[in-house]
């Protein structure tokens, strides 16, 4: 018994969407881990603000990780769940220890740009497949991330 049989989605098209979602899941997992490191290790005069901001960002990433994994399952895929898989698939690279808040925030801005690129590709493919649920999910992520991008850009404008 397959979910796509009941949701009336094309199984082959759903498999293509799953592949994109697997990539996005890996990207978010590495991003999440980087954010935890920024949160733990940030130092300097903006510590209090950035420590809280990094926590807010990794909480959001954690929620999205769960949503992406569940969407993969809804499309009859099996979400990757090992860090070796994530590191092999991810376009987002691990950082070392980052104590400089600006460096951490630049990494966030660059990573969100990569995530949005992947989400737009998934949105396009899912749209062609008539997968409105995945389209809506990616659209919601993009809306949030475009606002975050605007705010991060403002952070760097001095």
N, C-alpha and C. Protein backbone atom coordinates (compact mmCIF):
# COMPACT_ATOMS: atom_id res chain seq x y z
N UNK A 1 0.86 -1.18 0.00
CA UNK A 1 0.00 0.00 0.00
C UNK A 1 0.90 1.24 0.00
N UNK A 2 0.65 2.14 -0.93
CA UNK A 2 1.47 3.35 -1.06
C UNK A 2 0.60 4.59 -0.92
N UNK A 3 1.16 5.58 -0.26
CA UNK A 3 0.45 6.85 -0.04
C UNK A 3 0.13 7.53 -1.36
N UNK A 4 1.09 7.53 -2.30
CA UNK A 4 0.85 8.23 -3.57
C UNK A 4 -0.29 7.62 -4.36
N UNK A 5 -0.57 6.33 -4.14
CA UNK A 5 -1.72 5.71 -4.81
C UNK A 5 -3.02 6.37 -4.36
N UNK A 6 -3.12 6.71 -3.11
CA UNK A 6 -4.33 7.30 -2.57
C UNK A 6 -4.38 8.82 -2.77
N UNK A 7 -3.21 9.46 -2.81
CA UNK A 7 -3.19 10.90 -3.04
C UNK A 7 -3.24 11.23 -4.53
N UNK A 8 -3.17 10.19 -5.35
CA UNK A 8 -3.27 10.31 -6.81
C UNK A 8 -2.13 11.13 -7.42
N UNK A 9 -0.96 11.06 -6.79
CA UNK A 9 0.22 11.68 -7.37
C UNK A 9 0.94 10.64 -8.23
N UNK A 10 1.58 11.10 -9.27
CA UNK A 10 2.36 10.22 -10.13
C UNK A 10 3.59 9.74 -9.36
N UNK A 11 3.75 8.43 -9.25
CA UNK A 11 4.83 7.86 -8.43
C UNK A 11 6.21 8.26 -8.96
N UNK A 12 6.39 8.27 -10.27
CA UNK A 12 7.69 8.64 -10.84
C UNK A 12 8.01 10.11 -10.56
N UNK A 13 7.02 10.97 -10.69
CA UNK A 13 7.22 12.39 -10.40
C UNK A 13 7.48 12.60 -8.91
N UNK A 14 6.78 11.85 -8.08
CA UNK A 14 6.99 11.94 -6.63
C UNK A 14 8.41 11.51 -6.27
N UNK A 15 8.93 10.51 -6.96
CA UNK A 15 10.30 10.04 -6.69
C UNK A 15 11.32 11.13 -7.02
N UNK A 16 11.07 11.93 -8.06
CA UNK A 16 11.96 13.03 -8.40
C UNK A 16 11.91 14.10 -7.31
N UNK A 17 10.69 14.37 -6.83
CA UNK A 17 10.54 15.34 -5.74
C UNK A 17 11.25 14.84 -4.48
N UNK A 18 11.13 13.56 -4.19
CA UNK A 18 11.79 12.97 -3.02
C UNK A 18 13.30 13.18 -3.11
N UNK A 19 13.85 13.00 -4.30
CA UNK A 19 15.30 13.19 -4.46
C UNK A 19 15.69 14.62 -4.09
N UNK A 20 14.93 15.60 -4.55
CA UNK A 20 15.20 16.99 -4.19
C UNK A 20 15.04 17.23 -2.70
N UNK A 21 14.00 16.63 -2.12
CA UNK A 21 13.77 16.80 -0.68
C UNK A 21 14.87 16.14 0.14
N UNK A 22 15.42 15.03 -0.33
CA UNK A 22 16.52 14.37 0.37
C UNK A 22 17.73 15.31 0.43
N UNK A 23 18.01 15.97 -0.71
CA UNK A 23 19.10 16.94 -0.76
C UNK A 23 18.84 18.08 0.22
N UNK A 24 17.61 18.58 0.22
CA UNK A 24 17.25 19.69 1.11
C UNK A 24 17.34 19.26 2.57
N UNK A 25 16.94 18.04 2.87
CA UNK A 25 17.04 17.51 4.23
C UNK A 25 18.51 17.48 4.67
N UNK A 26 19.38 17.00 3.81
CA UNK A 26 20.81 16.96 4.14
C UNK A 26 21.34 18.38 4.36
N UNK A 27 20.95 19.30 3.47
CA UNK A 27 21.39 20.69 3.61
C UNK A 27 20.94 21.28 4.95
N UNK A 28 19.69 21.04 5.31
CA UNK A 28 19.17 21.57 6.57
C UNK A 28 19.85 20.93 7.77
N UNK A 29 20.18 19.65 7.69
CA UNK A 29 20.83 18.99 8.83
C UNK A 29 22.21 19.58 9.09
N UNK A 30 22.97 19.83 8.03
CA UNK A 30 24.30 20.42 8.21
C UNK A 30 24.16 21.87 8.68
N UNK A 31 23.22 22.60 8.09
CA UNK A 31 22.94 23.98 8.52
C UNK A 31 22.59 24.01 10.01
N UNK A 32 21.72 23.11 10.44
CA UNK A 32 21.31 23.03 11.85
C UNK A 32 22.54 22.82 12.75
N UNK A 33 23.38 21.90 12.36
CA UNK A 33 24.57 21.61 13.17
C UNK A 33 25.50 22.82 13.22
N UNK A 34 25.66 23.51 12.10
CA UNK A 34 26.48 24.73 12.10
C UNK A 34 25.88 25.78 13.03
N UNK A 35 24.56 25.94 12.97
CA UNK A 35 23.89 26.92 13.83
C UNK A 35 24.10 26.61 15.31
N UNK A 36 24.03 25.32 15.66
CA UNK A 36 24.27 24.95 17.07
C UNK A 36 25.66 25.37 17.49
N UNK A 37 26.64 25.14 16.62
CA UNK A 37 28.01 25.55 16.93
C UNK A 37 28.14 27.06 17.08
N UNK A 38 27.48 27.81 16.19
CA UNK A 38 27.53 29.28 16.30
C UNK A 38 26.92 29.70 17.64
N UNK A 39 25.80 29.11 17.99
CA UNK A 39 25.10 29.42 19.24
C UNK A 39 26.00 29.16 20.45
N UNK A 40 26.64 28.03 20.45
CA UNK A 40 27.47 27.65 21.59
C UNK A 40 28.74 28.48 21.69
N UNK A 41 29.32 28.87 20.58
CA UNK A 41 30.68 29.42 20.57
C UNK A 41 30.80 30.91 20.32
N UNK A 42 29.69 31.59 20.01
CA UNK A 42 29.78 33.02 19.71
C UNK A 42 30.33 33.79 20.91
N UNK A 43 31.15 34.79 20.63
CA UNK A 43 31.73 35.65 21.67
C UNK A 43 31.65 37.09 21.19
N UNK A 44 31.87 38.00 22.08
CA UNK A 44 31.97 39.41 21.70
C UNK A 44 30.82 40.25 22.20
N UNK A 45 30.85 41.52 21.78
CA UNK A 45 29.88 42.48 22.33
C UNK A 45 28.45 42.21 21.92
N UNK A 46 28.24 41.43 20.86
CA UNK A 46 26.87 41.09 20.43
C UNK A 46 26.45 39.70 20.89
N UNK A 47 27.18 39.15 21.86
CA UNK A 47 26.92 37.79 22.33
C UNK A 47 25.45 37.56 22.66
N UNK A 48 24.86 38.38 23.49
CA UNK A 48 23.50 38.12 23.96
C UNK A 48 22.51 38.10 22.81
N UNK A 49 22.63 39.05 21.92
CA UNK A 49 21.72 39.11 20.78
C UNK A 49 21.92 37.92 19.83
N UNK A 50 23.18 37.66 19.49
CA UNK A 50 23.45 36.60 18.51
C UNK A 50 23.23 35.21 19.09
N UNK A 51 23.56 35.02 20.36
CA UNK A 51 23.31 33.73 21.00
C UNK A 51 21.83 33.38 20.88
N UNK A 52 20.96 34.32 21.16
CA UNK A 52 19.51 34.11 21.04
C UNK A 52 19.09 33.94 19.59
N UNK A 53 19.66 34.71 18.69
CA UNK A 53 19.29 34.64 17.28
C UNK A 53 19.66 33.29 16.69
N UNK A 54 20.86 32.80 17.00
CA UNK A 54 21.27 31.49 16.50
C UNK A 54 20.34 30.39 17.03
N UNK A 55 19.92 30.53 18.29
CA UNK A 55 18.97 29.56 18.85
C UNK A 55 17.64 29.60 18.10
N UNK A 56 17.15 30.80 17.83
CA UNK A 56 15.91 30.96 17.06
C UNK A 56 16.04 30.29 15.68
N UNK A 57 17.18 30.49 15.04
CA UNK A 57 17.40 29.93 13.72
C UNK A 57 17.51 28.41 13.75
N UNK A 58 18.20 27.84 14.77
CA UNK A 58 18.29 26.38 14.79
C UNK A 58 16.98 25.74 15.21
N UNK A 59 16.18 26.41 16.02
CA UNK A 59 14.84 25.89 16.33
C UNK A 59 13.98 25.83 15.07
N UNK A 60 14.06 26.88 14.25
CA UNK A 60 13.32 26.90 12.99
C UNK A 60 13.83 25.80 12.05
N UNK A 61 15.13 25.64 11.95
CA UNK A 61 15.70 24.59 11.10
C UNK A 61 15.26 23.21 11.56
N UNK A 62 15.21 23.00 12.87
CA UNK A 62 14.77 21.72 13.42
C UNK A 62 13.34 21.40 13.01
N UNK A 63 12.48 22.39 13.06
CA UNK A 63 11.09 22.20 12.65
C UNK A 63 11.03 21.83 11.17
N UNK A 64 11.79 22.53 10.35
CA UNK A 64 11.79 22.27 8.91
C UNK A 64 12.36 20.88 8.61
N UNK A 65 13.37 20.47 9.33
CA UNK A 65 13.94 19.13 9.14
C UNK A 65 12.85 18.07 9.33
N UNK A 66 12.07 18.20 10.38
CA UNK A 66 11.00 17.24 10.63
C UNK A 66 9.94 17.29 9.53
N UNK A 67 9.58 18.49 9.11
CA UNK A 67 8.57 18.63 8.05
C UNK A 67 9.06 18.04 6.73
N UNK A 68 10.31 18.26 6.39
CA UNK A 68 10.87 17.72 5.15
C UNK A 68 10.90 16.19 5.21
N UNK A 69 11.36 15.64 6.33
CA UNK A 69 11.41 14.18 6.47
C UNK A 69 10.00 13.58 6.37
N UNK A 70 9.04 14.23 6.99
CA UNK A 70 7.66 13.72 6.92
C UNK A 70 7.10 13.83 5.50
N UNK A 71 7.47 14.89 4.77
CA UNK A 71 6.99 15.02 3.39
C UNK A 71 7.60 13.91 2.52
N UNK A 72 8.87 13.60 2.76
CA UNK A 72 9.50 12.48 2.04
C UNK A 72 8.71 11.20 2.29
N UNK A 73 8.34 10.96 3.54
CA UNK A 73 7.55 9.76 3.87
C UNK A 73 6.18 9.78 3.19
N UNK A 74 5.55 10.96 3.13
CA UNK A 74 4.24 11.08 2.48
C UNK A 74 4.33 10.78 0.98
N UNK A 75 5.51 10.97 0.42
CA UNK A 75 5.72 10.69 -1.00
C UNK A 75 6.34 9.31 -1.21
N UNK A 76 6.22 8.46 -0.19
CA UNK A 76 6.68 7.07 -0.22
C UNK A 76 8.20 6.91 -0.30
N UNK A 77 8.91 7.92 0.16
CA UNK A 77 10.36 7.81 0.26
C UNK A 77 10.77 7.48 1.69
N UNK A 78 12.04 7.26 1.86
CA UNK A 78 12.60 7.01 3.20
C UNK A 78 13.65 8.09 3.43
N UNK A 79 13.42 8.96 4.41
CA UNK A 79 14.38 10.04 4.64
C UNK A 79 15.73 9.52 5.11
N UNK A 80 16.78 10.10 4.54
CA UNK A 80 18.13 9.80 5.02
C UNK A 80 18.18 10.18 6.50
N UNK A 81 18.98 9.45 7.26
CA UNK A 81 19.03 9.75 8.69
C UNK A 81 20.41 9.56 9.31
N UNK A 82 21.43 9.40 8.47
CA UNK A 82 22.78 9.29 9.03
C UNK A 82 23.60 10.51 8.62
N UNK A 83 24.47 10.93 9.51
CA UNK A 83 25.29 12.10 9.20
C UNK A 83 26.24 11.83 8.06
N UNK A 84 26.67 10.60 7.88
CA UNK A 84 27.53 10.32 6.72
C UNK A 84 26.76 10.56 5.44
N UNK A 85 25.47 10.17 5.40
CA UNK A 85 24.64 10.46 4.22
C UNK A 85 24.49 11.97 4.03
N UNK A 86 24.20 12.67 5.11
CA UNK A 86 24.01 14.12 5.02
C UNK A 86 25.27 14.81 4.49
N UNK A 87 26.41 14.44 5.02
CA UNK A 87 27.67 15.08 4.61
C UNK A 87 28.00 14.76 3.16
N UNK A 88 27.65 13.56 2.70
CA UNK A 88 27.89 13.20 1.31
C UNK A 88 26.95 13.93 0.35
N UNK A 89 25.71 14.19 0.78
CA UNK A 89 24.70 14.79 -0.09
C UNK A 89 24.67 16.31 -0.02
N UNK A 90 25.01 16.86 1.11
CA UNK A 90 24.76 18.29 1.37
C UNK A 90 25.61 19.21 0.51
N UNK A 91 24.96 20.28 0.04
CA UNK A 91 25.68 21.37 -0.62
C UNK A 91 26.18 22.37 0.42
N UNK A 92 25.66 22.28 1.63
CA UNK A 92 26.10 23.11 2.75
C UNK A 92 27.26 22.39 3.42
N UNK A 93 28.33 23.09 3.67
CA UNK A 93 29.51 22.48 4.26
C UNK A 93 29.58 22.76 5.76
N UNK A 94 30.17 21.81 6.47
CA UNK A 94 30.39 22.00 7.90
C UNK A 94 31.34 23.17 8.13
N UNK A 95 31.13 23.86 9.23
CA UNK A 95 32.08 24.88 9.63
C UNK A 95 32.92 24.33 10.77
N UNK A 96 34.03 24.95 11.00
CA UNK A 96 34.78 24.66 12.21
C UNK A 96 34.19 25.49 13.34
N UNK A 97 34.94 25.65 14.39
CA UNK A 97 34.49 26.49 15.50
C UNK A 97 34.49 27.94 15.03
N UNK A 98 33.34 28.58 15.16
CA UNK A 98 33.20 29.99 14.78
C UNK A 98 32.80 30.76 16.03
N UNK A 99 33.65 31.71 16.43
CA UNK A 99 33.35 32.53 17.60
C UNK A 99 32.93 33.95 17.21
N UNK A 100 33.26 34.36 15.98
CA UNK A 100 32.93 35.70 15.50
C UNK A 100 31.48 35.71 14.99
N UNK A 101 30.66 36.54 15.61
CA UNK A 101 29.25 36.60 15.26
C UNK A 101 29.00 36.98 13.82
N UNK A 102 29.78 37.93 13.30
CA UNK A 102 29.60 38.33 11.90
C UNK A 102 29.92 37.18 10.95
N UNK A 103 30.95 36.42 11.25
CA UNK A 103 31.29 35.27 10.42
C UNK A 103 30.14 34.25 10.44
N UNK A 104 29.59 34.01 11.61
CA UNK A 104 28.45 33.10 11.72
C UNK A 104 27.25 33.61 10.94
N UNK A 105 26.96 34.90 11.04
CA UNK A 105 25.82 35.46 10.33
C UNK A 105 26.04 35.46 8.82
N UNK A 106 27.29 35.66 8.37
CA UNK A 106 27.57 35.57 6.93
C UNK A 106 27.33 34.15 6.44
N UNK A 107 27.72 33.18 7.26
CA UNK A 107 27.47 31.79 6.89
C UNK A 107 25.97 31.52 6.79
N UNK A 108 25.21 32.06 7.72
CA UNK A 108 23.75 31.90 7.68
C UNK A 108 23.19 32.48 6.39
N UNK A 109 23.62 33.67 6.04
CA UNK A 109 23.13 34.34 4.83
C UNK A 109 23.48 33.52 3.58
N UNK A 110 24.71 33.04 3.51
CA UNK A 110 25.12 32.22 2.36
C UNK A 110 24.37 30.90 2.32
N UNK A 111 24.15 30.30 3.47
CA UNK A 111 23.44 29.03 3.52
C UNK A 111 21.98 29.20 3.12
N UNK A 112 21.34 30.23 3.62
CA UNK A 112 19.94 30.46 3.25
C UNK A 112 19.82 30.67 1.75
N UNK A 113 20.79 31.32 1.14
CA UNK A 113 20.78 31.49 -0.31
C UNK A 113 20.81 30.14 -1.01
N UNK A 114 21.63 29.22 -0.54
CA UNK A 114 21.68 27.86 -1.11
C UNK A 114 20.38 27.12 -0.88
N UNK A 115 19.81 27.26 0.31
CA UNK A 115 18.54 26.59 0.61
C UNK A 115 17.44 27.10 -0.31
N UNK A 116 17.39 28.41 -0.51
CA UNK A 116 16.34 28.97 -1.38
C UNK A 116 16.50 28.48 -2.82
N UNK A 117 17.71 28.34 -3.27
CA UNK A 117 17.94 27.83 -4.62
C UNK A 117 17.40 26.41 -4.74
N UNK A 118 17.69 25.57 -3.77
CA UNK A 118 17.20 24.20 -3.77
C UNK A 118 15.67 24.16 -3.66
N UNK A 119 15.12 25.00 -2.82
CA UNK A 119 13.66 25.04 -2.63
C UNK A 119 12.94 25.49 -3.90
N UNK A 120 13.52 26.44 -4.62
CA UNK A 120 12.91 26.88 -5.89
C UNK A 120 12.90 25.75 -6.91
N UNK A 121 13.97 24.97 -6.95
CA UNK A 121 14.03 23.83 -7.88
C UNK A 121 12.98 22.78 -7.50
N UNK A 122 12.84 22.50 -6.22
CA UNK A 122 11.82 21.55 -5.75
C UNK A 122 10.43 22.08 -6.05
N UNK A 123 10.21 23.36 -5.79
CA UNK A 123 8.91 23.98 -6.05
C UNK A 123 8.54 23.84 -7.53
N UNK A 124 9.47 24.09 -8.40
CA UNK A 124 9.22 24.01 -9.84
C UNK A 124 8.87 22.58 -10.25
N UNK A 125 9.66 21.63 -9.78
CA UNK A 125 9.41 20.23 -10.14
C UNK A 125 8.09 19.75 -9.57
N UNK A 126 7.82 20.09 -8.31
CA UNK A 126 6.57 19.66 -7.67
C UNK A 126 5.36 20.30 -8.36
N UNK A 127 5.52 21.53 -8.82
CA UNK A 127 4.44 22.20 -9.54
C UNK A 127 4.12 21.47 -10.84
N UNK A 128 5.15 21.10 -11.57
CA UNK A 128 4.96 20.33 -12.81
C UNK A 128 4.27 18.99 -12.54
N UNK A 129 4.52 18.42 -11.37
CA UNK A 129 3.95 17.12 -11.01
C UNK A 129 2.55 17.24 -10.40
N UNK A 130 2.07 18.45 -10.19
CA UNK A 130 0.75 18.64 -9.57
C UNK A 130 0.75 18.37 -8.08
N UNK A 131 1.92 18.48 -7.45
CA UNK A 131 2.08 18.21 -6.02
C UNK A 131 1.95 19.53 -5.25
N UNK A 132 0.71 19.96 -5.06
CA UNK A 132 0.44 21.24 -4.44
C UNK A 132 0.95 21.33 -3.00
N UNK A 133 0.96 20.22 -2.29
CA UNK A 133 1.41 20.25 -0.89
C UNK A 133 2.89 20.59 -0.78
N UNK A 134 3.70 19.98 -1.64
CA UNK A 134 5.12 20.29 -1.63
C UNK A 134 5.35 21.72 -2.12
N UNK A 135 4.58 22.14 -3.13
CA UNK A 135 4.68 23.51 -3.63
C UNK A 135 4.40 24.49 -2.49
N UNK A 136 3.33 24.26 -1.75
CA UNK A 136 2.96 25.16 -0.65
C UNK A 136 4.04 25.19 0.43
N UNK A 137 4.59 24.04 0.73
CA UNK A 137 5.65 23.95 1.74
C UNK A 137 6.87 24.77 1.32
N UNK A 138 7.31 24.58 0.07
CA UNK A 138 8.48 25.31 -0.42
C UNK A 138 8.18 26.80 -0.50
N UNK A 139 6.98 27.15 -0.92
CA UNK A 139 6.58 28.56 -0.99
C UNK A 139 6.62 29.21 0.39
N UNK A 140 6.13 28.50 1.39
CA UNK A 140 6.17 29.02 2.76
C UNK A 140 7.61 29.22 3.24
N UNK A 141 8.48 28.24 2.95
CA UNK A 141 9.88 28.36 3.35
C UNK A 141 10.52 29.56 2.68
N UNK A 142 10.27 29.71 1.38
CA UNK A 142 10.86 30.82 0.63
C UNK A 142 10.41 32.17 1.17
N UNK A 143 9.15 32.27 1.49
CA UNK A 143 8.62 33.53 2.03
C UNK A 143 9.36 33.92 3.31
N UNK A 144 9.51 32.96 4.21
CA UNK A 144 10.22 33.22 5.48
C UNK A 144 11.68 33.57 5.23
N UNK A 145 12.31 32.81 4.36
CA UNK A 145 13.75 32.98 4.15
C UNK A 145 14.08 34.27 3.39
N UNK A 146 13.18 34.69 2.52
CA UNK A 146 13.42 35.97 1.85
C UNK A 146 13.38 37.12 2.86
N UNK A 147 12.48 37.03 3.84
CA UNK A 147 12.44 38.05 4.88
C UNK A 147 13.70 37.99 5.74
N UNK A 148 14.13 36.79 6.09
CA UNK A 148 15.36 36.62 6.86
C UNK A 148 16.56 37.17 6.10
N UNK A 149 16.59 36.93 4.79
CA UNK A 149 17.68 37.44 3.96
C UNK A 149 17.70 38.96 3.98
N UNK A 150 16.54 39.57 3.86
CA UNK A 150 16.44 41.03 3.94
C UNK A 150 16.98 41.53 5.29
N UNK A 151 16.60 40.86 6.37
CA UNK A 151 17.03 41.29 7.70
C UNK A 151 18.53 41.09 7.88
N UNK A 152 19.06 39.98 7.39
CA UNK A 152 20.50 39.74 7.50
C UNK A 152 21.28 40.75 6.67
N UNK A 153 20.77 41.08 5.51
CA UNK A 153 21.42 42.09 4.68
C UNK A 153 21.44 43.43 5.41
N UNK A 154 20.34 43.76 6.06
CA UNK A 154 20.27 45.00 6.85
C UNK A 154 21.27 44.96 8.01
N UNK A 155 21.46 43.78 8.62
CA UNK A 155 22.41 43.62 9.71
C UNK A 155 23.82 44.02 9.26
N UNK A 156 24.17 43.68 8.02
CA UNK A 156 25.51 43.95 7.52
C UNK A 156 25.66 45.35 6.92
N UNK A 157 24.58 46.11 6.83
CA UNK A 157 24.65 47.47 6.29
C UNK A 157 24.94 48.43 7.44
N UNK A 158 26.12 48.97 7.43
CA UNK A 158 26.54 49.85 8.53
C UNK A 158 26.99 51.17 8.02
